[in-house]
C-alpha atoms as a PDB file:
ATOM      1  CA  UNK A   1       4.232  12.213 -11.269  1.00  0.00           C
ATOM      2  CA  UNK A   2       1.713   9.686 -12.540  1.00  0.00           C
ATOM      3  CA  UNK A   3      -1.624  10.879 -13.872  1.00  0.00           C
ATOM      4  CA  UNK A   4      -4.079   9.221 -11.464  1.00  0.00           C
ATOM      5  CA  UNK A   5      -6.846   9.336 -14.059  1.00  0.00           C
ATOM      6  CA  UNK A   6      -4.681   7.177 -16.349  1.00  0.00           C
ATOM      7  CA  UNK A   7      -4.405   4.434 -13.734  1.00  0.00           C
ATOM      8  CA  UNK A   8      -6.002   1.059 -14.212  1.00  0.00           C
ATOM      9  CA  UNK A   9      -9.361   1.090 -12.350  1.00  0.00           C
ATOM     10  CA  UNK A  10      -8.136  -1.603  -9.936  1.00  0.00           C
ATOM     11  CA  UNK A  11      -5.021   0.446  -9.121  1.00  0.00           C
ATOM     12  CA  UNK A  12      -7.122   3.580  -8.657  1.00  0.00           C
ATOM     13  CA  UNK A  13      -9.299   1.544  -6.262  1.00  0.00           C
ATOM     14  CA  UNK A  14      -6.402   0.613  -3.980  1.00  0.00           C
ATOM     15  CA  UNK A  15      -5.169   4.219  -3.921  1.00  0.00           C
ATOM     16  CA  UNK A  16      -8.676   5.348  -2.923  1.00  0.00           C
ATOM     17  CA  UNK A  17      -8.874   2.657  -0.222  1.00  0.00           C
ATOM     18  CA  UNK A  18      -5.461   3.650   1.145  1.00  0.00           C
ATOM     19  CA  UNK A  19      -6.431   7.315   1.207  1.00  0.00           C
ATOM     20  CA  UNK A  20      -9.683   6.507   3.000  1.00  0.00           C
ATOM     21  CA  UNK A  21      -7.885   4.432   5.664  1.00  0.00           C
ATOM     22  CA  UNK A  22      -5.460   7.283   6.324  1.00  0.00           C
ATOM     23  CA  UNK A  23      -8.224   9.860   6.658  1.00  0.00           C
ATOM     24  CA  UNK A  24     -10.655   7.677   8.602  1.00  0.00           C
ATOM     25  CA  UNK A  25      -8.094   6.628  11.193  1.00  0.00           C
ATOM     26  CA  UNK A  26      -6.184   9.912  11.384  1.00  0.00           C
ATOM     27  CA  UNK A  27      -2.856   8.144  10.862  1.00  0.00           C
ATOM     28  CA  UNK A  28       0.260   9.272   8.963  1.00  0.00           C
ATOM     29  CA  UNK A  29      -0.122   6.611   6.262  1.00  0.00           C
ATOM     30  CA  UNK A  30      -2.800   4.471   4.696  1.00  0.00           C
ATOM     31  CA  UNK A  31      -2.111   1.474   2.486  1.00  0.00           C
ATOM     32  CA  UNK A  32      -3.895  -1.148   0.443  1.00  0.00           C
ATOM     33  CA  UNK A  33      -2.693  -4.263  -1.343  1.00  0.00           C
ATOM     34  CA  UNK A  34      -4.406  -6.460  -3.925  1.00  0.00           C
ATOM     35  CA  UNK A  35      -3.741 -10.195  -3.890  1.00  0.00           C
ATOM     36  CA  UNK A  36      -3.612 -12.706  -6.742  1.00  0.00           C
ATOM     37  CA  UNK A  37      -7.387 -13.237  -6.596  1.00  0.00           C
ATOM     38  CA  UNK A  38      -8.250  -9.527  -6.618  1.00  0.00           C
ATOM     39  CA  UNK A  39      -9.055  -9.297  -2.906  1.00  0.00           C
ATOM     40  CA  UNK A  40      -7.915  -6.116  -1.196  1.00  0.00           C
ATOM     41  CA  UNK A  41      -6.517  -5.545   2.267  1.00  0.00           C
ATOM     42  CA  UNK A  42      -6.476  -2.060   3.775  1.00  0.00           C
ATOM     43  CA  UNK A  43      -4.568  -0.743   6.782  1.00  0.00           C
ATOM     44  CA  UNK A  44      -3.263   2.330   8.510  1.00  0.00           C
ATOM     45  CA  UNK A  45      -0.128   2.956  10.486  1.00  0.00           C
ATOM     46  CA  UNK A  46       0.050   1.005  13.771  1.00  0.00           C
ATOM     47  CA  UNK A  47       1.674   3.010  16.563  1.00  0.00           C
ATOM     48  CA  UNK A  48       1.376   1.256  19.913  1.00  0.00           C
ATOM     49  CA  UNK A  49       3.919   1.354  22.692  1.00  0.00           C
ATOM     50  CA  UNK A  50       4.679  -2.306  22.078  1.00  0.00           C
ATOM     51  CA  UNK A  51       4.162  -2.477  18.290  1.00  0.00           C
ATOM     52  CA  UNK A  52       5.049  -0.155  15.430  1.00  0.00           C
ATOM     53  CA  UNK A  53       4.202  -1.041  11.840  1.00  0.00           C
ATOM     54  CA  UNK A  54       3.902   1.064   8.734  1.00  0.00           C
ATOM     55  CA  UNK A  55       0.582   0.991   6.942  1.00  0.00           C
ATOM     56  CA  UNK A  56       2.060  -0.981   4.047  1.00  0.00           C
ATOM     57  CA  UNK A  57       3.622  -3.668   6.252  1.00  0.00           C
ATOM     58  CA  UNK A  58       0.318  -3.941   8.136  1.00  0.00           C
ATOM     59  CA  UNK A  59      -1.631  -4.392   4.880  1.00  0.00           C
ATOM     60  CA  UNK A  60       0.826  -7.081   3.736  1.00  0.00           C
ATOM     61  CA  UNK A  61       0.512  -8.836   7.106  1.00  0.00           C
ATOM     62  CA  UNK A  62      -3.286  -8.766   6.806  1.00  0.00           C
ATOM     63  CA  UNK A  63      -3.052 -10.335   3.336  1.00  0.00           C
ATOM     64  CA  UNK A  64      -0.749 -13.089   4.597  1.00  0.00           C
ATOM     65  CA  UNK A  65      -2.949 -13.743   7.627  1.00  0.00           C
ATOM     66  CA  UNK A  66      -5.942 -14.080   5.290  1.00  0.00           C
ATOM     67  CA  UNK A  67      -4.235 -16.672   3.097  1.00  0.00           C
ATOM     68  CA  UNK A  68      -2.983 -14.577   0.180  1.00  0.00           C
ATOM     69  CA  UNK A  69      -0.314 -16.379  -1.840  1.00  0.00           C
ATOM     70  CA  UNK A  70       0.888 -13.388  -3.874  1.00  0.00           C
ATOM     71  CA  UNK A  71       0.309  -9.689  -4.500  1.00  0.00           C
ATOM     72  CA  UNK A  72      -0.580  -7.972  -7.746  1.00  0.00           C
ATOM     73  CA  UNK A  73      -0.067  -4.398  -6.529  1.00  0.00           C
ATOM     74  CA  UNK A  74       0.257  -2.165  -3.498  1.00  0.00           C
ATOM     75  CA  UNK A  75      -0.503   1.471  -2.769  1.00  0.00           C
ATOM     76  CA  UNK A  76       0.487   3.769   0.054  1.00  0.00           C
ATOM     77  CA  UNK A  77      -0.804   7.268   0.775  1.00  0.00           C
ATOM     78  CA  UNK A  78       1.821   9.214   2.642  1.00  0.00           C
ATOM     79  CA  UNK A  79       3.441  12.588   3.123  1.00  0.00           C
ATOM     80  CA  UNK A  80       6.812  10.990   2.356  1.00  0.00           C
ATOM     81  CA  UNK A  81       8.354  11.045  -1.106  1.00  0.00           C
ATOM     82  CA  UNK A  82       8.772   7.267  -1.331  1.00  0.00           C
ATOM     83  CA  UNK A  83       8.377   4.060   0.653  1.00  0.00           C
ATOM     84  CA  UNK A  84      11.034   2.632   2.924  1.00  0.00           C
ATOM     85  CA  UNK A  85      13.238  -0.303   2.007  1.00  0.00           C
ATOM     86  CA  UNK A  86      11.482  -2.313   4.749  1.00  0.00           C
ATOM     87  CA  UNK A  87       8.069  -1.635   3.199  1.00  0.00           C
ATOM     88  CA  UNK A  88       9.287  -2.615  -0.256  1.00  0.00           C
ATOM     89  CA  UNK A  89      10.818  -5.788   1.228  1.00  0.00           C
ATOM     90  CA  UNK A  90       7.468  -6.811   2.737  1.00  0.00           C
ATOM     91  CA  UNK A  91       5.744  -6.374  -0.626  1.00  0.00           C
ATOM     92  CA  UNK A  92       8.591  -8.237  -2.362  1.00  0.00           C
ATOM     93  CA  UNK A  93       8.396 -11.146   0.086  1.00  0.00           C
ATOM     94  CA  UNK A  94       4.792 -11.822  -0.895  1.00  0.00           C
ATOM     95  CA  UNK A  95       4.515 -10.406  -4.401  1.00  0.00           C
ATOM     96  CA  UNK A  96       7.988 -10.658  -5.876  1.00  0.00           C
ATOM     97  CA  UNK A  97      10.442  -7.986  -7.010  1.00  0.00           C
ATOM     98  CA  UNK A  98       8.311  -6.709  -9.893  1.00  0.00           C
ATOM     99  CA  UNK A  99       5.239  -5.915  -7.799  1.00  0.00           C
ATOM    100  CA  UNK A 100       4.307  -2.256  -8.351  1.00  0.00           C
ATOM    101  CA  UNK A 101       3.951   0.028  -5.341  1.00  0.00           C
ATOM    102  CA  UNK A 102       1.976   3.190  -6.041  1.00  0.00           C
ATOM    103  CA  UNK A 103       3.044   6.125  -3.870  1.00  0.00           C
ATOM    104  CA  UNK A 104       0.378   8.799  -3.518  1.00  0.00           C
ATOM    105  CA  UNK A 105       0.171  12.032  -1.585  1.00  0.00           C
ATOM    106  CA  UNK A 106      -2.555  12.840   0.923  1.00  0.00           C
ATOM    107  CA  UNK A 107      -4.642  14.254  -1.938  1.00  0.00           C
ATOM    108  CA  UNK A 108      -4.619  10.834  -3.621  1.00  0.00           C
ATOM    109  CA  UNK A 109      -2.469  11.944  -6.557  1.00  0.00           C
ATOM    110  CA  UNK A 110       0.043   9.243  -7.448  1.00  0.00           C
ATOM    111  CA  UNK A 111       3.511  10.764  -7.263  1.00  0.00           C
ATOM    112  CA  UNK A 112       5.520   7.692  -8.188  1.00  0.00           C
ATOM    113  CA  UNK A 113       5.309   4.026  -8.962  1.00  0.00           C
ATOM    114  CA  UNK A 114       8.217   1.923  -7.723  1.00  0.00           C
ATOM    115  CA  UNK A 115       8.748  -1.807  -7.777  1.00  0.00           C
ATOM    116  CA  UNK A 116       9.181  -3.917  -4.697  1.00  0.00           C
ATOM    117  CA  UNK A 117      12.521  -4.974  -6.229  1.00  0.00           C
END
């Protein structure tokens, strides 16, 4: 477990944004990513009959669609213990293998930090 109070303020911000997206939209996951300029992109799980995307893949897609060239960090708030390989791949595609992905529980406490690797 990672002490959330010890997080960099910018990392704490994306965890808070991800948690807010999850709660506001009543979805299983919320995510936020920070691009190379410090801009943030926030998303929740997309569950339509014709389209299913995790919150993290949606946030990465929003960053790409907005012109982001890279990612500094990502955060996902979820009931799961970790993020899927597909989610990590999306972060890796834009941010590279060393991009940190903060995994937090619904309470916002960071349980793990993994790399997109």
